[in-house]
Protein backbone atom coordinates (compact mmCIF):
# COMPACT_ATOMS: atom_id res chain seq x y z
CA MET A 1 -12.43 20.66 -28.66
CA SER A 2 -10.59 21.92 -25.67
CA GLY A 3 -7.23 20.22 -24.68
CA ARG A 4 -8.76 18.95 -21.48
CA LYS A 5 -11.74 17.30 -23.31
CA ALA A 6 -9.35 15.67 -25.81
CA HIS A 7 -7.18 14.48 -22.97
CA ASP A 8 -10.30 13.00 -21.25
CA HIS A 9 -11.37 11.16 -24.37
CA TYR A 10 -8.01 9.74 -24.94
CA ARG A 11 -7.82 8.58 -21.32
CA ARG A 12 -11.14 6.99 -21.66
CA GLY A 13 -10.17 5.46 -24.98
CA LEU A 14 -6.75 4.05 -23.47
CA GLY A 15 -8.77 2.64 -20.48
CA THR A 16 -11.16 0.86 -22.72
CA ALA A 17 -8.39 -0.64 -24.81
CA LEU A 18 -6.65 -1.78 -21.73
CA ARG A 19 -9.77 -3.27 -20.07
CA HIS A 20 -10.59 -5.40 -23.17
CA ASN A 21 -7.26 -6.32 -24.36
CA GLN A 22 -4.85 -6.72 -21.53
CA VAL A 23 -5.52 -10.41 -20.55
CA ALA A 24 -5.71 -11.36 -24.13
CA TYR A 25 -2.37 -9.41 -24.69
CA SER A 26 -0.80 -11.30 -21.80
CA TYR A 27 -2.01 -14.59 -23.17
CA SER A 28 -0.80 -13.77 -26.63
CA ALA A 29 2.63 -12.98 -25.53
CA THR A 30 2.90 -16.03 -23.20
CA ILE A 31 1.76 -18.50 -25.86
CA THR A 32 4.12 -16.85 -28.44
CA ALA A 33 7.03 -17.32 -26.06
CA LEU A 34 5.98 -20.94 -25.41
CA PHE A 35 6.01 -21.49 -29.17
CA GLY A 36 9.51 -20.41 -29.26
CA VAL A 37 10.34 -22.57 -26.24
CA ILE A 38 8.96 -25.76 -27.81
CA SER A 39 10.66 -24.81 -31.23
CA ASP A 40 14.02 -24.48 -29.41
CA GLU A 41 13.57 -27.85 -27.56
CA SER A 42 12.07 -29.87 -30.37
CA GLY A 43 13.09 -28.13 -33.53
CA GLY A 44 10.79 -26.15 -35.88
CA PRO A 45 7.32 -27.60 -36.11
CA ASN A 46 5.69 -29.14 -39.21
CA VAL A 47 2.14 -28.39 -40.17
CA ALA A 48 0.66 -31.14 -38.04
CA GLN A 49 2.60 -30.12 -35.00
CA CYS A 50 1.21 -26.52 -35.50
CA PHE A 51 -2.33 -27.81 -35.57
CA LEU A 52 -1.54 -29.83 -32.35
CA PHE A 53 -0.29 -26.65 -30.65
CA ILE A 54 -3.64 -25.03 -31.47
CA VAL A 55 -5.69 -28.08 -30.27
CA GLY A 56 -3.87 -27.99 -26.90
CA ALA A 57 -4.48 -24.34 -26.32
CA GLY A 58 -8.04 -24.47 -27.60
CA VAL A 59 -8.86 -27.49 -25.41
CA ALA A 60 -7.64 -25.60 -22.29
CA PHE A 61 -10.16 -22.65 -23.06
CA SER A 62 -12.94 -25.22 -23.49
CA ILE A 63 -12.19 -27.02 -20.28
CA VAL A 64 -11.89 -23.84 -18.11
CA ASN A 65 -15.03 -22.18 -19.75
CA ALA A 66 -17.04 -25.18 -19.26
CA ALA A 67 -16.09 -25.53 -15.60
CA ILE A 68 -16.41 -22.01 -14.61
CA THR A 69 -19.79 -21.51 -16.04
CA HIS A 70 -21.09 -24.92 -14.85
CA TRP A 71 -21.26 -26.23 -18.26
CA PHE A 72 -22.32 -22.83 -19.88
CA SER A 73 -25.40 -22.41 -17.57
CA LYS A 74 -24.28 -19.71 -15.30
CA ARG A 75 -23.51 -16.15 -16.29
CA LEU A 76 -20.33 -14.73 -14.62
CA PRO A 77 -20.50 -11.34 -12.90
CA ARG A 78 -18.11 -8.55 -13.95
CA GLU A 79 -15.72 -6.65 -11.83
CA PRO A 80 -15.34 -2.84 -11.94
CA THR A 81 -12.81 -1.19 -14.07
CA GLU A 82 -10.52 -0.30 -11.15
CA VAL A 83 -10.45 -3.90 -10.20
CA VAL A 84 -9.70 -5.15 -13.74
CA ALA A 85 -6.96 -2.55 -14.09
CA LEU A 86 -5.31 -3.87 -10.80
CA GLY A 87 -5.65 -7.49 -11.67
CA THR A 88 -4.16 -6.89 -15.23
CA ALA A 89 -1.30 -4.80 -13.73
CA ILE A 90 0.04 -7.90 -11.86
CA SER A 91 -0.39 -10.16 -14.84
CA LEU A 92 3.38 -10.74 -14.97
CA PHE A 93 2.80 -13.53 -12.43
CA SER A 94 0.25 -15.45 -14.57
CA MET A 95 2.48 -14.91 -17.54
CA ALA A 96 5.64 -16.20 -15.88
CA ALA A 97 3.77 -19.11 -14.18
CA GLY A 98 2.10 -20.15 -17.50
CA LEU A 99 5.28 -20.04 -19.44
CA GLY A 100 7.08 -21.85 -16.61
CA LEU A 101 4.65 -24.68 -16.64
CA GLY A 102 4.61 -25.03 -20.46
CA THR A 103 8.29 -24.87 -20.55
CA LEU A 104 8.40 -27.65 -17.93
CA VAL A 105 6.01 -29.88 -19.96
CA ALA A 106 8.17 -29.14 -23.07
CA TRP A 107 11.36 -30.27 -21.41
CA LEU A 108 9.70 -33.43 -20.00
CA ALA A 109 7.59 -34.51 -22.92
CA GLY A 110 8.78 -36.03 -26.19
CA PRO A 111 8.86 -33.70 -29.18
CA TRP A 112 5.47 -34.75 -30.63
CA ILE A 113 3.57 -34.68 -27.25
CA ALA A 114 4.96 -31.40 -26.22
CA TRP A 115 3.24 -29.57 -29.25
CA PRO A 116 -0.25 -30.19 -27.78
CA LEU A 117 0.56 -30.75 -24.14
CA ALA A 118 2.72 -27.77 -23.39
CA PRO A 119 0.02 -25.17 -24.63
CA LEU A 120 -2.62 -27.01 -22.79
CA ALA A 121 -0.68 -26.91 -19.63
CA MET A 122 0.36 -23.21 -20.21
CA SER A 123 -3.11 -22.13 -20.91
CA ILE A 124 -4.66 -23.79 -18.00
CA GLY A 125 -1.88 -22.45 -15.74
CA PHE A 126 -2.19 -18.88 -17.16
CA MET A 127 -6.00 -18.83 -16.72
CA MET A 128 -5.89 -20.16 -13.05
CA LEU A 129 -3.36 -17.47 -12.17
CA ALA A 130 -4.99 -14.86 -14.05
CA GLY A 131 -8.29 -15.72 -12.14
CA PHE A 132 -6.29 -15.50 -8.84
CA GLU A 133 -4.91 -12.18 -9.90
CA MET A 134 -8.21 -10.72 -10.60
CA GLY A 135 -9.74 -12.48 -7.46
CA PHE A 136 -6.89 -10.89 -5.44
CA ALA A 137 -7.64 -7.44 -7.05
CA GLY A 138 -11.38 -7.78 -6.30
CA TYR A 139 -10.88 -8.68 -2.71
CA TYR A 140 -8.43 -6.15 -1.84
CA HIS A 141 -9.55 -3.15 -3.88
CA GLU A 142 -12.35 -1.16 -2.37
CA ALA A 143 -14.18 -1.16 -5.68
CA GLY A 144 -14.27 -4.97 -5.67
CA GLY A 145 -17.66 -6.35 -6.61
CA SER A 146 -20.03 -7.95 -4.23
CA LEU A 147 -20.23 -11.74 -4.03
CA ASP A 148 -24.01 -11.67 -3.19
């Protein structure tokens, strides 16, 4: 295998890894940081609070998925690779806004209610901003998909 061919396969593999993992990675880093924030504000969680944390984050995904797919009845179109790359390259905004929103809820809520409510707010905020980042990328990048 030539060096050029190996480089091309590496580049393709790296692109595939980024395309399918970047939003999940950004979300994982943000939700982990929020866990640290709530732990700092409320003290370390017990087992029940850990489950409340998961419930809050999971409900957020259920709400957004149901809404965006019209109660799971509409398929969503995909954007080209270049658009996804641009959208995920600016994911710092959705990460910061999601963490900020979750932190605000953790500061304002009591210790028990912060465990489900902060990840709910963070997750919805993150997804809304991540959608905006992808929408921005699709609108401004020449490869952006057609809305027809």
